């Protein structure tokens, strides 16, 4: 399909973080863009402000007249949309070109120099760091982000079409629609077993992705993964490695050894060794692309992060409130490490909302182990997202497995009262569901109380 010949783009599930970035991209390129989603959110409200018409009722009556011409209309949908969706069914039955988001991303990137970030953890932060580095180095690029960048207040960085920076999502094997010039794999931990069935199948999919590289393409892999490529790691013998790490005034300061030189006294403001690793691989890819070292150093120091990735909402001597998207045991452990490194003497309360029944079932013991490390735990009910309940898989089951005396299952309605009862000086909200919508209420209450 030649996207230049398409005038109308219709999105089903336009409020998704990846879908909304595509919608903004096409709108910026003067296409007619319309979309459906289940409910209004900050993301859909932002799309409306951007000039995109969004509706929330699944009915073919909402399809504009000019979109009733299959020859000039492309329909993009997300796998989260049920097959019974009436609008999706209409488009499929009436000769429209109907493509998954991942396929469209592949079409957009195929005629540019594409840098793709893959891995079960760290994709969004790494992609946003790399996009920021290359933007600050004045590269003509478009970056599609899986989160809202604090630097740009958007999930899209638009500065030209020569280069594209994208997340390569392993969910539903979406990343196999890409053919990048450079790619990295940050991790291959088991996840999405509702799609893959077993960990080995997931790993094979990453291997298959690594073979999608264009001729003479470069693959970067975290040291220790069972793949060959340019390696990166922290304080090890990788091709790119971070050395001499110290913390000065709450900021990481470190050196980076590259295959050709050493970049000294780099600064990075996000807490946690996992974020240092994300910064390192983004830096390595930018160096290999040819970005100037001095500009990269300045850009790295000015990076502010991604919303809901260790986002500070309150930061005072008496009280700290942080929100994070972590929804896998390894990610929760990484958040714990970051908090302990920054606040080694303070009591920490973690409020966690499990995401998906299948993920909770598949990693129940690992979730219990990672959550047990916090001083106190408040546990919300499982956020189902695209799934129906699974018998016996509940937050109560997870709570019973957590080895901590200060643990409690709570509802959203009683959450504020339970927080007020705690003596913790650091409050964390964690999870990929709708717990993010509670953040502003918690922030308001804690600000009034402090």
Protein backbone atom coordinates (compact mmCIF):
# COMPACT_ATOMS: atom_id res chain seq x y z
CA UNK A 1 0.00 0.00 0.00
CA UNK A 2 1.21 3.51 -0.87
CA UNK A 3 0.27 5.76 2.04
CA UNK A 4 0.66 8.84 -0.16
CA UNK A 5 -2.50 7.81 -2.04
CA UNK A 6 -4.59 7.57 1.13
CA UNK A 7 -6.58 10.66 2.12
CA UNK A 8 -8.61 9.31 5.05
CA UNK A 9 -7.33 7.39 8.08
CA UNK A 10 -9.86 5.76 10.42
CA UNK A 11 -8.58 4.49 13.79
CA UNK A 12 -10.36 1.86 15.89
CA UNK A 13 -8.83 2.14 19.36
CA UNK A 14 -7.41 5.59 18.73
CA UNK A 15 -6.86 6.25 22.46
CA UNK A 16 -4.08 3.68 22.77
CA UNK A 17 -0.64 5.13 23.33
CA UNK A 18 0.78 3.73 20.09
CA UNK A 19 -2.37 4.39 18.05
CA UNK A 20 -2.61 8.01 19.16
CA UNK A 21 0.99 8.68 18.09
CA UNK A 22 0.13 7.36 14.61
CA UNK A 23 -3.02 9.51 14.55
CA UNK A 24 -0.99 12.61 15.36
CA UNK A 25 1.55 11.66 12.70
CA UNK A 26 -1.07 11.37 9.94
CA UNK A 27 -2.87 14.53 11.04
CA UNK A 28 0.43 16.42 10.91
CA UNK A 29 0.85 15.09 7.37
CA UNK A 30 -2.50 16.64 6.33
CA UNK A 31 -4.56 13.44 6.28
CA UNK A 32 -8.22 13.37 7.39
CA UNK A 33 -8.15 11.49 10.70
CA UNK A 34 -11.12 10.15 12.67
CA UNK A 35 -11.22 7.57 15.43
CA UNK A 36 -13.17 5.48 17.92
CA UNK A 37 -12.33 4.53 21.48
CA UNK A 38 -14.29 3.14 24.41
CA UNK A 39 -14.00 6.10 26.77
CA UNK A 40 -12.64 9.66 26.87
CA UNK A 41 -9.15 9.99 28.40
CA UNK A 42 -6.43 12.59 28.62
CA UNK A 43 -5.00 11.08 25.43
CA UNK A 44 -8.25 11.31 23.45
CA UNK A 45 -8.85 14.81 24.78
CA UNK A 46 -5.40 15.75 23.50
CA UNK A 47 -6.26 14.31 20.08
CA UNK A 48 -9.44 16.39 19.97
CA UNK A 49 -7.41 19.49 20.83
CA UNK A 50 -5.09 18.51 17.95
CA UNK A 51 -8.07 18.68 15.58
CA UNK A 52 -8.97 14.98 15.41
CA UNK A 53 -12.60 13.89 15.68
CA UNK A 54 -13.00 11.10 18.28
CA UNK A 55 -16.23 9.30 19.18
CA UNK A 56 -17.01 6.75 21.90
CA UNK A 57 -19.98 4.75 20.59
CA UNK A 58 -19.41 1.67 18.43
CA UNK A 59 -21.80 2.33 15.58
CA UNK A 60 -21.35 2.68 11.82
CA UNK A 61 -23.51 5.82 11.98
CA UNK A 62 -20.44 7.68 13.28
CA UNK A 63 -18.44 7.00 10.10
CA UNK A 64 -18.22 10.33 8.18
CA UNK A 65 -19.53 10.39 4.60
CA UNK A 66 -16.10 11.07 3.10
CA UNK A 67 -14.80 7.87 4.80
CA UNK A 68 -17.37 5.72 2.97
CA UNK A 69 -15.04 5.41 -0.04
CA UNK A 70 -12.84 2.32 0.42
CA UNK A 71 -10.41 3.35 -2.32
CA UNK A 72 -9.16 6.42 -0.42
CA UNK A 73 -9.58 5.22 3.18
CA UNK A 74 -7.23 3.21 5.37
CA UNK A 75 -8.54 1.61 8.57
CA UNK A 76 -6.06 0.98 11.40
CA UNK A 77 -6.94 -1.11 14.41
CA UNK A 78 -5.30 -2.43 17.55
CA UNK A 79 -5.37 -6.14 18.52
CA UNK A 80 -7.10 -5.11 21.76
CA UNK A 81 -10.30 -4.42 19.77
CA UNK A 82 -12.70 -7.41 19.85
CA UNK A 83 -13.46 -9.16 16.55
CA UNK A 84 -17.17 -8.47 17.13
CA UNK A 85 -16.66 -4.69 16.96
CA UNK A 86 -19.37 -3.43 14.57
CA UNK A 87 -17.26 -0.71 12.90
CA UNK A 88 -14.36 -3.10 12.35
CA UNK A 89 -16.77 -5.69 10.94
CA UNK A 90 -18.28 -3.13 8.56
CA UNK A 91 -14.90 -2.08 7.16
CA UNK A 92 -13.77 -5.68 6.70
CA UNK A 93 -16.97 -6.63 4.89
CA UNK A 94 -16.97 -3.68 2.52
CA UNK A 95 -13.62 -3.80 0.76
CA UNK A 96 -11.55 -1.47 2.93
CA UNK A 97 -7.83 -1.82 3.53
CA UNK A 98 -7.76 -2.82 7.23
CA UNK A 99 -4.34 -3.04 8.86
CA UNK A 100 -2.90 -3.53 12.33
CA UNK A 101 -0.98 -0.64 13.83
CA UNK A 102 2.27 -2.61 13.56
CA UNK A 103 1.85 -3.11 9.81
CA UNK A 104 1.30 0.62 9.27
CA UNK A 105 4.36 1.41 11.36
CA UNK A 106 6.31 -0.92 9.09
CA UNK A 107 5.05 0.92 6.00
CA UNK A 108 6.01 4.31 7.46
CA UNK A 109 9.51 3.22 8.46
CA UNK A 110 10.50 1.19 5.41
CA UNK A 111 11.63 4.22 3.39
CA UNK A 112 13.57 5.84 6.22
CA UNK A 113 16.60 4.94 8.33
CA UNK A 114 14.87 3.03 11.13
CA UNK A 115 16.16 2.54 14.68
CA UNK A 116 13.99 0.06 16.59
CA UNK A 117 13.97 -0.69 20.33
CA UNK A 118 12.87 -4.18 21.39
CA UNK A 119 12.77 -6.00 24.73
CA UNK A 120 10.30 -6.99 27.41
CA UNK A 121 11.43 -4.07 29.62
CA UNK A 122 12.75 -0.60 28.95
CA UNK A 123 11.37 -0.02 25.44
CA UNK A 124 9.47 3.19 26.10
CA UNK A 125 12.16 4.92 28.14
CA UNK A 126 14.94 3.86 25.76
CA UNK A 127 12.97 4.98 22.70
CA UNK A 128 12.22 8.37 24.24
CA UNK A 129 15.87 8.86 25.26
CA UNK A 130 17.07 7.98 21.76
CA UNK A 131 14.46 10.23 20.15
CA UNK A 132 15.51 13.11 22.41
CA UNK A 133 19.23 12.57 21.78
CA UNK A 134 18.78 12.58 18.01
CA UNK A 135 16.40 15.55 18.08
CA UNK A 136 18.91 17.57 20.10
CA UNK A 137 21.58 16.55 17.58
CA UNK A 138 19.37 18.14 14.89
CA UNK A 139 18.65 14.88 13.06
CA UNK A 140 15.62 14.96 10.76
CA UNK A 141 13.54 12.34 12.54
CA UNK A 142 10.14 11.10 13.58
CA UNK A 143 9.99 9.18 16.87
CA UNK A 144 6.94 7.09 17.83
CA UNK A 145 6.92 6.70 21.63
CA UNK A 146 4.99 4.29 23.85
CA UNK A 147 4.55 6.96 26.52
CA UNK A 148 4.26 10.71 26.97
CA UNK A 149 7.69 12.34 26.89
CA UNK A 150 8.23 14.92 29.63
CA UNK A 151 10.49 16.91 27.27
CA UNK A 152 7.89 17.19 24.49
CA UNK A 153 4.62 16.49 26.36
CA UNK A 154 3.78 14.09 23.54
CA UNK A 155 4.21 10.52 22.33
CA UNK A 156 5.40 11.81 18.96
CA UNK A 157 8.58 13.72 18.13
CA UNK A 158 8.22 15.21 14.66
CA UNK A 159 11.26 16.81 13.06
CA UNK A 160 11.47 15.31 9.57
CA UNK A 161 11.31 11.92 7.83
CA UNK A 162 14.93 10.95 7.20
CA UNK A 163 15.11 8.82 10.37
CA UNK A 164 12.44 6.99 12.37
CA UNK A 165 12.81 5.85 15.97
CA UNK A 166 10.23 3.28 17.06
CA UNK A 167 9.35 0.80 19.77
CA UNK A 168 9.44 -2.75 18.48
CA UNK A 169 6.64 -4.35 20.48
CA UNK A 170 6.77 -8.10 21.05
CA UNK A 171 3.06 -8.27 21.99
CA UNK A 172 1.15 -10.15 19.28
CA UNK A 173 4.54 -10.45 17.46
CA UNK A 174 4.02 -6.91 16.17
CA UNK A 175 7.74 -6.21 15.85
CA UNK A 176 8.04 -8.71 13.01
CA UNK A 177 6.41 -6.11 10.73
CA UNK A 178 9.55 -3.94 11.01
CA UNK A 179 12.79 -4.10 9.00
CA UNK A 180 15.13 -1.74 10.89
CA UNK A 181 18.59 -0.47 10.00
CA UNK A 182 19.58 -0.57 13.67
CA UNK A 183 17.87 -2.48 16.46
CA UNK A 184 18.49 -3.25 20.09
CA UNK A 185 17.15 -5.92 22.41
CA UNK A 186 17.12 -4.83 26.04
CA UNK A 187 15.73 -8.02 27.62
CA UNK A 188 14.01 -11.30 26.83
CA UNK A 189 12.27 -12.14 30.11
CA UNK A 190 9.09 -14.19 29.92
CA UNK A 191 5.96 -12.10 29.34
CA UNK A 192 2.81 -12.18 27.21
CA UNK A 193 2.50 -15.91 27.75
CA UNK A 194 -1.18 -15.56 26.80
CA UNK A 195 0.17 -14.96 23.29
CA UNK A 196 3.32 -17.11 23.23
CA UNK A 197 2.33 -20.01 25.48
CA UNK A 198 5.84 -20.52 26.85
CA UNK A 199 9.03 -18.56 27.40
CA UNK A 200 10.97 -20.42 24.72
CA UNK A 201 8.47 -19.33 22.07
CA UNK A 202 8.92 -15.70 23.13
CA UNK A 203 12.71 -16.00 22.88
CA UNK A 204 12.43 -17.50 19.39
CA UNK A 205 10.35 -14.50 18.38
CA UNK A 206 13.15 -12.14 19.49
CA UNK A 207 15.63 -14.19 17.47
CA UNK A 208 13.31 -13.89 14.47
CA UNK A 209 13.13 -10.12 15.04
CA UNK A 210 16.93 -9.92 15.06
CA UNK A 211 16.91 -11.43 11.57
CA UNK A 212 14.58 -8.69 10.31
CA UNK A 213 17.49 -6.24 10.14
CA UNK A 214 18.24 -4.74 6.74
CA UNK A 215 21.45 -5.68 4.94
CA UNK A 216 24.47 -4.32 6.87
CA UNK A 217 22.18 -3.46 9.78
CA UNK A 218 23.50 -3.29 13.34
CA UNK A 219 22.09 -5.26 16.26
CA UNK A 220 22.74 -4.15 19.86
CA UNK A 221 22.12 -6.62 22.69
CA UNK A 222 22.38 -6.35 26.43
CA UNK A 223 25.38 -8.32 27.60
CA UNK A 224 24.35 -11.84 28.60
CA UNK A 225 21.52 -12.32 26.11
CA UNK A 226 21.89 -15.34 23.78
CA UNK A 227 22.31 -13.23 20.64
CA UNK A 228 25.31 -11.92 18.75
CA UNK A 229 25.72 -8.19 18.20
CA UNK A 230 27.23 -5.03 19.65
CA UNK A 231 27.01 -5.53 23.42
CA UNK A 232 26.26 -3.04 26.17
CA UNK A 233 26.27 -3.29 29.95
CA UNK A 234 27.11 -1.64 33.25
CA UNK A 235 30.61 -2.04 34.70
CA UNK A 236 31.45 -5.07 32.56
CA UNK A 237 33.43 -5.99 29.43
CA UNK A 238 30.77 -4.94 26.88
CA UNK A 239 31.51 -2.99 23.70
CA UNK A 240 29.69 -0.07 25.30
CA UNK A 241 29.89 0.04 29.09
CA UNK A 242 29.23 2.50 31.91
CA UNK A 243 32.09 3.03 34.37
CA UNK A 244 32.87 5.14 37.45
CA UNK A 245 29.23 5.60 38.51
CA UNK A 246 28.55 8.10 41.29
CA UNK A 247 25.58 10.15 42.47
CA UNK A 248 26.03 13.92 42.80
CA UNK A 249 23.08 16.02 44.02
CA UNK A 250 20.61 13.31 43.00
CA UNK A 251 22.10 12.95 39.50
CA UNK A 252 24.06 10.04 38.07
CA UNK A 253 27.53 11.01 36.86
CA UNK A 254 29.52 8.40 34.94
CA UNK A 255 31.86 7.60 32.06
CA UNK A 256 31.01 5.54 28.99
CA UNK A 257 33.63 3.41 27.27
CA UNK A 258 32.90 2.96 23.57
CA UNK A 259 34.83 0.76 21.12
CA UNK A 260 36.83 3.85 20.08
CA UNK A 261 36.98 6.26 23.03
CA UNK A 262 35.78 7.17 26.55
CA UNK A 263 33.06 9.77 27.12
CA UNK A 264 33.71 11.28 30.53
CA UNK A 265 31.50 12.86 33.20
CA UNK A 266 28.14 12.28 31.51
CA UNK A 267 25.08 13.25 33.55
CA UNK A 268 21.68 11.56 33.69
CA UNK A 269 18.78 12.45 35.97
CA UNK A 270 16.58 9.31 36.07
CA UNK A 271 17.06 7.07 39.14
CA UNK A 272 17.75 3.34 38.93
CA UNK A 273 20.35 1.09 37.34
CA UNK A 274 17.72 -0.03 34.82
CA UNK A 275 17.44 3.56 33.58
CA UNK A 276 21.22 3.82 33.37
CA UNK A 277 21.11 0.77 31.11
CA UNK A 278 18.37 2.39 29.00
CA UNK A 279 20.45 5.57 28.67
CA UNK A 280 23.52 3.58 27.68
CA UNK A 281 21.92 1.72 24.79
CA UNK A 282 20.25 4.88 23.48
CA UNK A 283 23.62 6.62 23.63
CA UNK A 284 25.34 3.69 21.89
CA UNK A 285 22.86 3.70 19.01
CA UNK A 286 23.20 7.47 18.59
CA UNK A 287 27.00 7.21 18.61
CA UNK A 288 26.93 4.45 15.98
CA UNK A 289 24.59 6.57 13.85
CA UNK A 290 27.17 9.35 13.95
CA UNK A 291 25.80 11.93 16.39
CA UNK A 292 28.45 14.36 17.79
CA UNK A 293 29.65 13.38 21.28
CA UNK A 294 29.43 16.86 22.80
CA UNK A 295 25.83 17.35 21.67
CA UNK A 296 24.94 13.88 22.97
CA UNK A 297 26.35 14.69 26.40
CA UNK A 298 24.28 17.88 26.63
CA UNK A 299 21.17 16.11 25.38
CA UNK A 300 21.51 13.26 27.88
CA UNK A 301 21.77 15.74 30.76
CA UNK A 302 18.60 17.52 29.61
CA UNK A 303 16.45 14.38 29.33
CA UNK A 304 13.44 14.59 31.70
CA UNK A 305 11.83 11.16 31.36
CA UNK A 306 8.47 9.66 30.42
CA UNK A 307 5.24 10.17 32.30
CA UNK A 308 4.45 7.22 34.58
CA UNK A 309 8.08 6.05 34.51
CA UNK A 310 9.38 6.89 37.98
CA UNK A 311 7.50 10.18 37.78
CA UNK A 312 7.82 12.42 40.84
CA UNK A 313 4.58 14.10 41.93
CA UNK A 314 5.75 15.20 45.37
CA UNK A 315 9.42 15.55 46.30
CA UNK A 316 10.10 17.16 49.66
CA UNK A 317 12.27 16.32 52.66
CA UNK A 318 9.25 14.92 54.54
CA UNK A 319 7.35 13.18 51.72
CA UNK A 320 8.00 11.68 48.28
CA UNK A 321 5.26 10.46 45.92
CA UNK A 322 6.31 8.55 42.78
CA UNK A 323 4.18 6.93 40.07
CA UNK A 324 5.48 4.15 37.79
CA UNK A 325 4.08 1.95 35.00
CA UNK A 326 5.87 -1.21 36.23
CA UNK A 327 3.65 -4.26 35.64
CA UNK A 328 6.12 -7.16 35.49
CA UNK A 329 8.03 -8.59 38.50
CA UNK A 330 11.40 -7.58 37.00
CA UNK A 331 10.15 -4.01 36.52
CA UNK A 332 8.85 -3.84 40.08
CA UNK A 333 12.23 -5.04 41.36
CA UNK A 334 13.92 -2.34 39.26
CA UNK A 335 11.67 0.33 40.80
CA UNK A 336 12.49 -1.04 44.26
CA UNK A 337 16.23 -0.84 43.55
CA UNK A 338 15.88 2.77 42.37
CA UNK A 339 13.88 3.82 45.44
CA UNK A 340 16.29 2.15 47.86
CA UNK A 341 19.27 3.75 46.14
CA UNK A 342 17.74 7.23 46.34
CA UNK A 343 16.06 6.89 49.76
CA UNK A 344 17.99 4.25 51.72
CA UNK A 345 16.72 5.32 55.17
CA UNK A 346 13.05 6.00 54.39
CA UNK A 347 10.05 3.71 54.78
CA UNK A 348 8.38 2.86 51.44
CA UNK A 349 4.69 2.13 50.80
CA UNK A 350 3.94 0.45 47.44
CA UNK A 351 0.42 0.55 45.99
CA UNK A 352 0.16 -2.04 43.22
CA UNK A 353 -2.58 -2.83 40.72
CA UNK A 354 -1.93 -6.15 38.91
CA UNK A 355 -2.44 -5.98 35.13
CA UNK A 356 -4.10 -8.96 33.39
CA UNK A 357 -5.34 -12.19 34.96
CA UNK A 358 -3.01 -14.25 32.77
CA UNK A 359 0.12 -12.29 33.72
CA UNK A 360 -0.81 -12.50 37.42
CA UNK A 361 -1.28 -16.27 37.11
CA UNK A 362 1.91 -16.84 35.10
CA UNK A 363 4.18 -14.87 37.46
CA UNK A 364 2.34 -15.09 40.79
CA UNK A 365 5.38 -16.20 42.82
CA UNK A 366 7.67 -13.65 41.17
CA UNK A 367 5.17 -10.86 41.85
CA UNK A 368 4.98 -11.93 45.50
CA UNK A 369 8.77 -11.95 45.79
CA UNK A 370 9.25 -8.49 44.25
CA UNK A 371 6.42 -6.89 46.25
CA UNK A 372 7.61 -8.40 49.53
CA UNK A 373 10.71 -6.16 49.39
CA UNK A 374 8.74 -2.99 50.19
CA UNK A 375 8.02 -1.92 53.77
CA UNK A 376 4.25 -1.80 53.23
CA UNK A 377 1.97 -2.98 50.42
CA UNK A 378 -1.54 -1.96 49.42
CA UNK A 379 -2.95 -4.22 46.71
CA UNK A 380 -5.79 -3.30 44.34
CA UNK A 381 -7.94 -5.72 42.36
CA UNK A 382 -6.58 -7.03 39.04
CA UNK A 383 -7.09 -4.74 36.05
CA UNK A 384 -8.54 -7.03 33.34
CA UNK A 385 -7.75 -4.94 30.23
CA UNK A 386 -8.60 -7.22 27.29
CA UNK A 387 -9.23 -10.37 29.38
CA UNK A 388 -12.09 -12.16 31.06
CA UNK A 389 -11.58 -13.38 34.66
CA UNK A 390 -9.72 -16.64 35.24
CA UNK A 391 -11.09 -18.80 38.03
CA UNK A 392 -8.97 -18.61 41.17
CA UNK A 393 -6.74 -15.80 39.88
CA UNK A 394 -7.36 -12.87 42.22
CA UNK A 395 -5.49 -10.21 44.13
CA UNK A 396 -6.36 -12.11 47.33
CA UNK A 397 -4.36 -15.08 46.01
CA UNK A 398 -1.39 -12.80 45.35
CA UNK A 399 -1.76 -11.14 48.75
CA UNK A 400 -1.55 -14.51 50.53
CA UNK A 401 1.78 -15.20 48.81
CA UNK A 402 3.40 -11.86 49.73
CA UNK A 403 5.83 -12.33 52.62
CA UNK A 404 5.19 -9.12 54.51
CA UNK A 405 3.20 -8.41 57.66
CA UNK A 406 2.18 -4.94 56.47
CA UNK A 407 0.06 -5.88 53.47
CA UNK A 408 -3.57 -5.22 52.69
CA UNK A 409 -6.11 -5.62 49.90
CA UNK A 410 -7.95 -2.34 49.30
CA UNK A 411 -10.56 -0.84 46.99
CA UNK A 412 -10.04 2.44 45.16
CA UNK A 413 -12.72 4.00 47.36
CA UNK A 414 -10.75 3.35 50.56
CA UNK A 415 -7.30 3.93 49.09
CA UNK A 416 -6.82 7.49 50.36
CA UNK A 417 -7.78 6.52 53.94
CA UNK A 418 -5.33 3.62 53.96
CA UNK A 419 -2.54 5.89 52.66
CA UNK A 420 -3.23 8.38 55.44
CA UNK A 421 -2.88 5.57 57.99
CA UNK A 422 0.66 4.81 56.79
CA UNK A 423 3.79 6.36 58.31
CA UNK A 424 5.81 5.80 55.11
CA UNK A 425 7.79 8.77 53.81
CA UNK A 426 7.90 7.41 50.24
CA UNK A 427 4.64 6.51 48.47
CA UNK A 428 4.68 4.53 45.20
CA UNK A 429 1.83 3.80 42.81
CA UNK A 430 2.70 0.93 40.46
CA UNK A 431 0.87 -0.74 37.57
CA UNK A 432 -0.20 -0.51 33.92
CA UNK A 433 -3.98 -0.41 34.42
CA UNK A 434 -6.12 2.55 35.43
CA UNK A 435 -4.21 3.17 38.66
CA UNK A 436 -2.68 6.15 36.85
CA UNK A 437 -6.07 7.86 37.05
CA UNK A 438 -5.86 7.76 40.86
CA UNK A 439 -2.56 9.65 40.92
CA UNK A 440 -4.02 13.16 40.78
CA UNK A 441 -6.40 12.37 43.67
CA UNK A 442 -3.60 10.92 45.77
CA UNK A 443 -1.35 13.88 44.99
CA UNK A 444 -4.06 16.34 46.00
CA UNK A 445 -4.76 14.56 49.30
CA UNK A 446 -1.08 14.17 50.19
CA UNK A 447 -0.38 17.82 49.33
CA UNK A 448 -3.21 18.98 51.61
CA UNK A 449 -1.97 16.77 54.45
CA UNK A 450 1.71 17.76 54.24
